[in-house]
């Protein structure tokens, strides 16, 4: 059975994942060398860690790819994982250590991980299982049927928002919206919810313009990110500092870049050069063409997830692929938007390319789950043809 599964691996999905991971390892080394030497007296500090995360991610991806499809449909495991993650996030909000203004990290020795990253995957599995098992009820009485998963989704969004992690909350919001839309929700409700989200977003920007950073429930540094997005050059030495230096990096790189390792902006000008702004360093060192190549590979990988999902017979597998594709798509768009000044900075990394253990492992696990759904779909299709 394992040989049969290996024969049905979705290499059109896996090869882009491997390429992006390789690019990530190279660019994390280049973009983090100055900071690593300054803080740890070892220019390869982040580089070695990224290799470890990438290798662990690949092993996890292959292991998950070969699991039985029934494993992902076990309610008790998914529910237990959700409850555990909710408890951990509640603990972090109440008694967690603040890192970069947010209480979203758990540390084991010198390694830290973010439970909010893992809840994305678990929530996708939970919603996919619920929706696929209640499709008839959803069509008959949508609002009553989705009350329970709706409350669970809102709780997840609220716990991540309170940390505060606006980027994570936005990603999960869109995942939930897309999965509920795919469940059979009337189009007018979906359009209404999307309209509400967009109206809230632009209303927040209007409030910041009118009242500055004195808005309840938001930290001053979060408001500064929004004001810097509106006009980064108005305060280029403070709130707009990172965006302005991202512009400098992108403009300096031009079409072909200044050469690998030759970035100036990574030398203290972009504090998160190896995480939030790694695309800016790619643009500076390798040029606009390199960014286009990276984005083309990434968006093809996302397209492959949606394509696989829409072609699958199993509603659960279909929803898992679409939910995971949405997760990657929104995360990529938010990171690109922040680096180019099109959207406010939210601290969201670019999948597989940015430095980060939690992000790398969760992204690799997600690829493994989508690959698992594809493998089992192909095996089932092959068995149907034999009968």
Protein backbone atom coordinates (compact mmCIF):
# COMPACT_ATOMS: atom_id res chain seq x y z
CA UNK A 1 0.00 0.00 0.00
CA UNK A 2 2.87 2.39 0.80
CA UNK A 3 4.41 1.74 -2.64
CA UNK A 4 1.06 2.55 -4.24
CA UNK A 5 0.84 5.80 -2.28
CA UNK A 6 4.41 6.78 -3.17
CA UNK A 7 3.54 6.23 -6.82
CA UNK A 8 0.69 8.75 -6.55
CA UNK A 9 2.61 11.60 -4.87
CA UNK A 10 1.59 14.98 -6.26
CA UNK A 11 5.01 16.12 -7.47
CA UNK A 12 3.49 19.19 -9.13
CA UNK A 13 2.70 20.34 -5.60
CA UNK A 14 5.85 19.04 -3.88
CA UNK A 15 8.47 20.36 -6.32
CA UNK A 16 7.42 24.03 -5.82
CA UNK A 17 7.50 23.38 -2.05
CA UNK A 18 11.07 22.00 -2.28
CA UNK A 19 12.21 24.91 -4.48
CA UNK A 20 10.74 27.54 -2.14
CA UNK A 21 12.31 25.83 0.88
CA UNK A 22 15.70 25.85 -0.85
CA UNK A 23 15.36 29.51 -1.77
CA UNK A 24 14.34 30.19 1.82
CA UNK A 25 17.44 28.52 3.26
CA UNK A 26 19.72 30.51 0.92
CA UNK A 27 18.00 33.84 1.51
CA UNK A 28 17.66 33.40 5.28
CA UNK A 29 21.43 32.93 5.39
CA UNK A 30 22.04 36.02 3.26
CA UNK A 31 19.44 38.27 4.91
CA UNK A 32 20.20 37.29 8.53
CA UNK A 33 24.00 37.11 8.52
CA UNK A 34 24.53 40.69 9.76
CA UNK A 35 21.97 40.42 12.56
CA UNK A 36 23.19 36.95 13.55
CA UNK A 37 26.77 38.16 13.83
CA UNK A 38 25.70 41.22 15.82
CA UNK A 39 23.45 39.37 18.27
CA UNK A 40 25.01 35.89 18.44
CA UNK A 41 28.55 36.39 17.11
CA UNK A 42 27.74 33.71 14.54
CA UNK A 43 26.65 34.73 11.06
CA UNK A 44 25.14 31.26 10.47
CA UNK A 45 22.91 31.19 13.57
CA UNK A 46 19.58 31.56 11.73
CA UNK A 47 20.87 29.64 8.71
CA UNK A 48 21.46 26.41 10.65
CA UNK A 49 18.11 26.70 12.40
CA UNK A 50 16.32 27.19 9.11
CA UNK A 51 17.95 24.02 7.77
CA UNK A 52 16.74 22.11 10.85
CA UNK A 53 13.20 23.47 10.44
CA UNK A 54 13.19 22.66 6.72
CA UNK A 55 14.41 19.08 7.24
CA UNK A 56 11.95 18.45 10.08
CA UNK A 57 9.22 19.91 7.89
CA UNK A 58 10.07 17.62 4.98
CA UNK A 59 10.11 14.50 7.19
CA UNK A 60 6.75 15.58 8.67
CA UNK A 61 5.35 16.20 5.18
CA UNK A 62 6.30 12.74 3.90
CA UNK A 63 5.05 11.02 7.06
CA UNK A 64 1.68 12.78 6.93
CA UNK A 65 1.38 12.14 3.19
CA UNK A 66 1.42 8.38 3.82
CA UNK A 67 -1.09 8.28 6.69
CA UNK A 68 -4.49 6.72 6.27
CA UNK A 69 -7.13 9.21 5.15
CA UNK A 70 -9.32 8.02 8.04
CA UNK A 71 -6.87 9.48 10.55
CA UNK A 72 -7.84 13.04 9.59
CA UNK A 73 -11.54 12.28 10.02
CA UNK A 74 -11.33 11.24 13.68
CA UNK A 75 -13.45 13.74 15.60
CA UNK A 76 -11.95 12.96 18.99
CA UNK A 77 -8.42 13.81 17.84
CA UNK A 78 -9.45 17.06 16.14
CA UNK A 79 -11.63 18.18 19.06
CA UNK A 80 -8.91 17.36 21.60
CA UNK A 81 -6.33 19.31 19.58
CA UNK A 82 -8.68 22.32 19.37
CA UNK A 83 -9.38 22.33 23.09
CA UNK A 84 -5.68 22.01 23.92
CA UNK A 85 -4.72 24.88 21.61
CA UNK A 86 -7.51 27.09 22.98
CA UNK A 87 -6.30 26.46 26.53
CA UNK A 88 -2.70 27.20 25.59
CA UNK A 89 -3.63 30.46 23.85
CA UNK A 90 -5.80 31.52 26.79
CA UNK A 91 -2.87 30.84 29.11
CA UNK A 92 -0.56 32.91 26.92
CA UNK A 93 -2.96 35.86 26.97
CA UNK A 94 -3.22 35.73 30.77
CA UNK A 95 0.32 34.80 31.80
CA UNK A 96 2.45 34.50 28.65
CA UNK A 97 5.69 36.33 27.97
CA UNK A 98 5.36 39.31 25.66
CA UNK A 99 7.50 39.08 22.50
CA UNK A 100 7.48 42.02 20.10
CA UNK A 101 4.33 43.30 21.81
CA UNK A 102 2.35 40.03 21.55
CA UNK A 103 1.79 37.13 23.95
CA UNK A 104 1.77 34.43 21.33
CA UNK A 105 4.94 32.43 21.95
CA UNK A 106 5.83 29.36 24.02
CA UNK A 107 9.54 28.81 24.64
CA UNK A 108 11.32 25.51 25.16
CA UNK A 109 14.95 26.32 25.87
CA UNK A 110 16.01 28.71 23.10
CA UNK A 111 13.31 27.54 20.68
CA UNK A 112 9.92 29.22 20.52
CA UNK A 113 6.74 28.26 18.71
CA UNK A 114 3.39 29.92 18.09
CA UNK A 115 0.22 27.95 18.90
CA UNK A 116 -1.70 30.34 16.61
CA UNK A 117 0.15 28.84 13.63
CA UNK A 118 -0.98 25.33 14.52
CA UNK A 119 -4.60 26.27 15.13
CA UNK A 120 -4.95 27.27 11.46
CA UNK A 121 -4.47 23.66 10.36
CA UNK A 122 -6.60 22.16 13.13
CA UNK A 123 -9.43 24.61 12.45
CA UNK A 124 -9.39 23.75 8.74
CA UNK A 125 -9.70 20.06 9.62
CA UNK A 126 -12.49 20.77 12.12
CA UNK A 127 -14.55 22.89 9.71
CA UNK A 128 -13.98 20.49 6.80
CA UNK A 129 -15.16 17.55 8.93
CA UNK A 130 -18.21 19.39 10.22
CA UNK A 131 -19.30 20.87 6.88
CA UNK A 132 -18.77 17.65 4.92
CA UNK A 133 -20.82 15.72 7.48
CA UNK A 134 -23.70 18.20 7.62
CA UNK A 135 -24.18 19.34 4.03
CA UNK A 136 -27.87 18.44 3.87
CA UNK A 137 -28.61 20.24 7.15
CA UNK A 138 -26.62 23.29 6.03
CA UNK A 139 -28.75 23.64 2.90
CA UNK A 140 -31.99 23.26 4.87
CA UNK A 141 -31.17 25.49 7.84
CA UNK A 142 -27.83 27.22 7.35
CA UNK A 143 -27.71 29.55 10.36
CA UNK A 144 -28.89 27.01 12.90
CA UNK A 145 -26.52 24.33 11.60
CA UNK A 146 -23.36 26.44 11.56
CA UNK A 147 -23.96 27.93 15.02
CA UNK A 148 -21.48 25.59 16.74
CA UNK A 149 -18.61 25.81 14.20
CA UNK A 150 -19.31 29.55 13.94
CA UNK A 151 -18.77 29.98 17.69
CA UNK A 152 -15.59 27.87 17.56
CA UNK A 153 -14.27 29.96 14.65
CA UNK A 154 -15.05 33.26 16.39
CA UNK A 155 -13.36 32.02 19.56
CA UNK A 156 -10.20 31.15 17.61
CA UNK A 157 -10.20 34.54 15.89
CA UNK A 158 -10.79 36.37 19.19
CA UNK A 159 -8.00 34.55 21.06
CA UNK A 160 -5.51 35.32 18.29
CA UNK A 161 -6.70 38.93 17.95
CA UNK A 162 -6.34 39.56 21.70
CA UNK A 163 -2.71 38.33 21.79
CA UNK A 164 -2.62 40.63 19.69
CA UNK A 165 -1.90 39.08 16.28
CA UNK A 166 -3.87 40.94 13.62
CA UNK A 167 -2.27 39.04 10.75
CA UNK A 168 -3.13 35.63 12.22
CA UNK A 169 -6.69 36.74 12.98
CA UNK A 170 -7.12 38.00 9.40
CA UNK A 171 -5.84 34.72 7.91
CA UNK A 172 -8.19 32.59 10.01
CA UNK A 173 -11.11 34.92 9.26
CA UNK A 174 -10.65 34.43 5.53
CA UNK A 175 -10.19 30.67 5.91
CA UNK A 176 -13.49 30.43 7.78
CA UNK A 177 -15.25 32.71 5.29
CA UNK A 178 -14.11 30.67 2.26
CA UNK A 179 -15.01 27.32 3.85
CA UNK A 180 -18.45 28.56 4.91
CA UNK A 181 -19.00 29.94 1.40
CA UNK A 182 -18.06 26.56 -0.03
CA UNK A 183 -20.48 24.83 2.35
CA UNK A 184 -23.51 26.11 0.47
CA UNK A 185 -24.14 29.44 2.18
CA UNK A 186 -26.39 31.69 0.06
CA UNK A 187 -24.20 34.02 -2.01
CA UNK A 188 -25.88 37.15 -0.61
CA UNK A 189 -24.71 36.21 2.91
CA UNK A 190 -21.17 35.62 1.73
CA UNK A 191 -21.08 38.93 -0.09
CA UNK A 192 -22.52 40.60 2.99
CA UNK A 193 -19.84 39.16 5.29
CA UNK A 194 -17.07 40.10 2.87
CA UNK A 195 -18.55 43.59 2.60
CA UNK A 196 -18.61 43.86 6.38
CA UNK A 197 -14.93 42.85 6.61
CA UNK A 198 -13.90 45.38 3.97
CA UNK A 199 -16.04 48.11 5.55
CA UNK A 200 -14.47 47.39 8.97
CA UNK A 201 -10.99 47.56 7.45
CA UNK A 202 -11.53 50.92 5.75
CA UNK A 203 -13.39 52.26 8.81
CA UNK A 204 -10.36 51.42 10.94
CA UNK A 205 -8.11 53.34 8.57
CA UNK A 206 -10.52 56.28 8.70
CA UNK A 207 -10.52 56.17 12.52
CA UNK A 208 -6.72 56.17 12.61
CA UNK A 209 -6.64 59.17 10.29
CA UNK A 210 -9.14 61.00 12.50
CA UNK A 211 -8.00 60.04 16.03
CA UNK A 212 -4.43 58.79 15.72
CA UNK A 213 -3.42 55.81 17.84
CA UNK A 214 -5.86 56.29 20.78
CA UNK A 215 -8.33 53.58 19.75
CA UNK A 216 -9.48 50.98 22.33
CA UNK A 217 -8.40 47.29 21.92
CA UNK A 218 -5.47 48.25 19.70
CA UNK A 219 -1.85 48.71 20.80
CA UNK A 220 -0.07 51.89 19.81
CA UNK A 221 2.49 49.96 17.72
CA UNK A 222 -0.36 48.38 15.74
CA UNK A 223 -1.82 51.79 15.04
CA UNK A 224 1.63 52.97 14.01
CA UNK A 225 1.74 50.18 11.43
CA UNK A 226 -1.52 51.45 9.94
CA UNK A 227 -0.40 55.08 9.91
CA UNK A 228 2.87 54.04 8.26
CA UNK A 229 0.87 52.19 5.61
CA UNK A 230 -1.18 55.33 4.89
CA UNK A 231 1.89 57.52 4.43
CA UNK A 232 5.23 55.89 5.40
CA UNK A 233 7.31 58.92 4.39
CA UNK A 234 5.42 61.17 6.82
CA UNK A 235 7.33 59.50 9.69
CA UNK A 236 10.16 57.74 7.90
CA UNK A 237 12.35 57.52 11.03
CA UNK A 238 9.71 55.90 13.24
CA UNK A 239 6.42 54.28 12.18
CA UNK A 240 7.28 54.34 8.47
CA UNK A 241 10.90 53.25 8.94
CA UNK A 242 10.57 49.63 7.82
CA UNK A 243 8.33 50.30 4.83
CA UNK A 244 10.56 53.13 3.58
CA UNK A 245 13.65 50.92 3.85
CA UNK A 246 11.78 48.15 2.07
CA UNK A 247 11.19 50.60 -0.78
CA UNK A 248 14.90 51.47 -0.80
CA UNK A 249 15.81 47.78 -1.00
CA UNK A 250 13.42 47.09 -3.86
CA UNK A 251 14.44 50.18 -5.81
CA UNK A 252 18.17 49.54 -5.31
CA UNK A 253 17.85 45.99 -6.63
CA UNK A 254 16.28 47.03 -9.91
CA UNK A 255 15.67 44.31 -12.47
CA UNK A 256 18.64 42.00 -11.76
CA UNK A 257 19.75 42.91 -8.22
CA UNK A 258 23.09 43.95 -6.76
CA UNK A 259 24.29 40.39 -6.11
CA UNK A 260 23.71 37.73 -3.48
CA UNK A 261 25.02 38.85 -0.09
CA UNK A 262 25.43 42.47 -1.20
CA UNK A 263 22.33 43.96 0.43
CA UNK A 264 22.78 47.17 2.40
CA UNK A 265 19.28 47.26 3.88
CA UNK A 266 19.80 44.00 5.82
CA UNK A 267 22.61 45.71 7.77
CA UNK A 268 20.32 47.07 10.47
CA UNK A 269 18.00 49.13 8.28
CA UNK A 270 15.36 46.40 8.01
CA UNK A 271 15.08 44.87 11.52
CA UNK A 272 13.05 41.89 10.23
CA UNK A 273 14.98 41.34 7.02
CA UNK A 274 14.95 37.54 7.35
CA UNK A 275 11.25 37.26 8.29
CA UNK A 276 8.67 39.90 7.31
CA UNK A 277 10.83 41.60 4.66
CA UNK A 278 12.72 38.71 3.07
CA UNK A 279 11.10 39.48 -0.31
CA UNK A 280 12.58 42.97 -0.11
CA UNK A 281 16.07 41.50 0.37
CA UNK A 282 15.47 39.09 -2.53
CA UNK A 283 14.53 42.13 -4.61
CA UNK A 284 17.62 44.05 -3.56
CA UNK A 285 20.11 41.20 -4.05
CA UNK A 286 18.56 39.26 -6.94
CA UNK A 287 16.25 41.82 -8.51
CA UNK A 288 12.64 42.12 -9.61
CA UNK A 289 12.95 39.12 -11.92
CA UNK A 290 13.85 36.89 -8.95
CA UNK A 291 10.79 38.12 -7.03
CA UNK A 292 8.61 37.34 -10.06
CA UNK A 293 10.08 33.80 -10.19
CA UNK A 294 9.50 33.22 -6.46
CA UNK A 295 5.94 34.53 -6.62
CA UNK A 296 5.19 32.49 -9.75
CA UNK A 297 6.33 29.29 -8.01
CA UNK A 298 4.34 30.18 -4.90
CA UNK A 299 1.10 31.03 -6.68
CA UNK A 300 1.37 27.92 -8.85
CA UNK A 301 1.61 25.86 -5.65
CA UNK A 302 -1.52 27.59 -4.30
CA UNK A 303 -3.30 27.06 -7.63
CA UNK A 304 -2.44 23.35 -7.44
CA UNK A 305 -4.12 23.10 -4.03
CA UNK A 306 -7.34 24.69 -5.28
CA UNK A 307 -7.27 22.62 -8.47
CA UNK A 308 -6.83 19.38 -6.54
CA UNK A 309 -9.60 20.29 -4.15
CA UNK A 310 -12.14 21.13 -6.82
CA UNK A 311 -11.50 17.84 -8.64
CA UNK A 312 -11.88 15.55 -5.62
CA UNK A 313 -14.99 13.47 -5.01
CA UNK A 314 -14.70 13.41 -1.20
CA UNK A 315 -16.27 16.63 0.23
CA UNK A 316 -13.96 16.48 3.26
CA UNK A 317 -10.81 16.30 1.12
CA UNK A 318 -12.16 19.04 -1.12
CA UNK A 319 -12.71 21.39 1.81
CA UNK A 320 -9.30 20.61 3.33
CA UNK A 321 -7.51 21.47 0.07
CA UNK A 322 -9.51 24.67 -0.45
CA UNK A 323 -9.05 25.77 3.17
CA UNK A 324 -5.29 25.12 3.02
CA UNK A 325 -4.97 26.90 -0.32
CA UNK A 326 -6.78 29.89 1.20
CA UNK A 327 -4.41 29.88 4.18
CA UNK A 328 -1.34 30.04 1.93
CA UNK A 329 -2.90 32.56 -0.44
CA UNK A 330 -3.92 35.05 2.26
CA UNK A 331 -0.61 34.68 4.12
CA UNK A 332 1.35 35.33 0.95
CA UNK A 333 -0.79 38.30 -0.06
CA UNK A 334 -0.51 39.91 3.39
CA UNK A 335 3.28 39.52 3.43
CA UNK A 336 3.64 40.94 -0.09
CA UNK A 337 1.27 43.77 0.76
CA UNK A 338 3.25 44.69 3.88
CA UNK A 339 6.63 44.64 2.10
CA UNK A 340 5.35 46.82 -0.75
CA UNK A 341 3.34 49.21 1.42
CA UNK A 342 0.03 48.19 -0.12
CA UNK A 343 -1.24 46.82 3.22
CA UNK A 344 -0.43 47.48 6.89
CA UNK A 345 2.43 45.50 8.44
CA UNK A 346 1.12 42.57 10.50
CA UNK A 347 4.21 40.44 11.10
CA UNK A 348 3.10 37.69 8.70
CA UNK A 349 5.92 35.65 7.15
CA UNK A 350 6.17 34.46 3.55
CA UNK A 351 5.59 30.66 3.49
CA UNK A 352 8.76 28.52 3.24
CA UNK A 353 10.98 31.49 2.36
CA UNK A 354 10.92 33.55 5.58
CA UNK A 355 12.73 32.37 8.70
CA UNK A 356 10.53 30.74 11.33
CA UNK A 357 10.17 27.31 12.90
CA UNK A 358 6.43 27.36 13.60
CA UNK A 359 5.59 28.74 10.18
CA UNK A 360 7.87 26.27 8.38
CA UNK A 361 6.57 23.22 10.26
CA UNK A 362 2.89 24.17 9.95
CA UNK A 363 3.31 24.97 6.26
CA UNK A 364 5.09 21.65 5.63
CA UNK A 365 2.42 19.72 7.55
CA UNK A 366 -0.24 21.51 5.48
CA UNK A 367 1.47 20.45 2.25
CA UNK A 368 1.58 16.90 3.60
CA UNK A 369 -2.16 16.94 4.34
CA UNK A 370 -3.05 18.24 0.87
CA UNK A 371 -0.72 15.66 -0.68
CA UNK A 372 -2.38 12.97 1.46
CA UNK A 373 -5.81 13.98 0.18
CA UNK A 374 -4.53 13.83 -3.41
CA UNK A 375 -2.85 10.44 -2.95
CA UNK A 376 -5.95 8.86 -1.40
CA UNK A 377 -8.15 10.37 -4.10
CA UNK A 378 -5.92 8.92 -6.83
CA UNK A 379 -5.76 5.51 -5.14
CA UNK A 380 -9.56 5.45 -4.78
CA UNK A 381 -9.95 6.48 -8.43
CA UNK A 382 -7.60 3.69 -9.51
CA UNK A 383 -9.52 1.12 -7.49
CA UNK A 384 -12.85 2.29 -8.98
CA UNK A 385 -11.47 1.81 -12.50
CA UNK A 386 -10.38 -1.75 -11.69
CA UNK A 387 -13.91 -2.77 -10.63
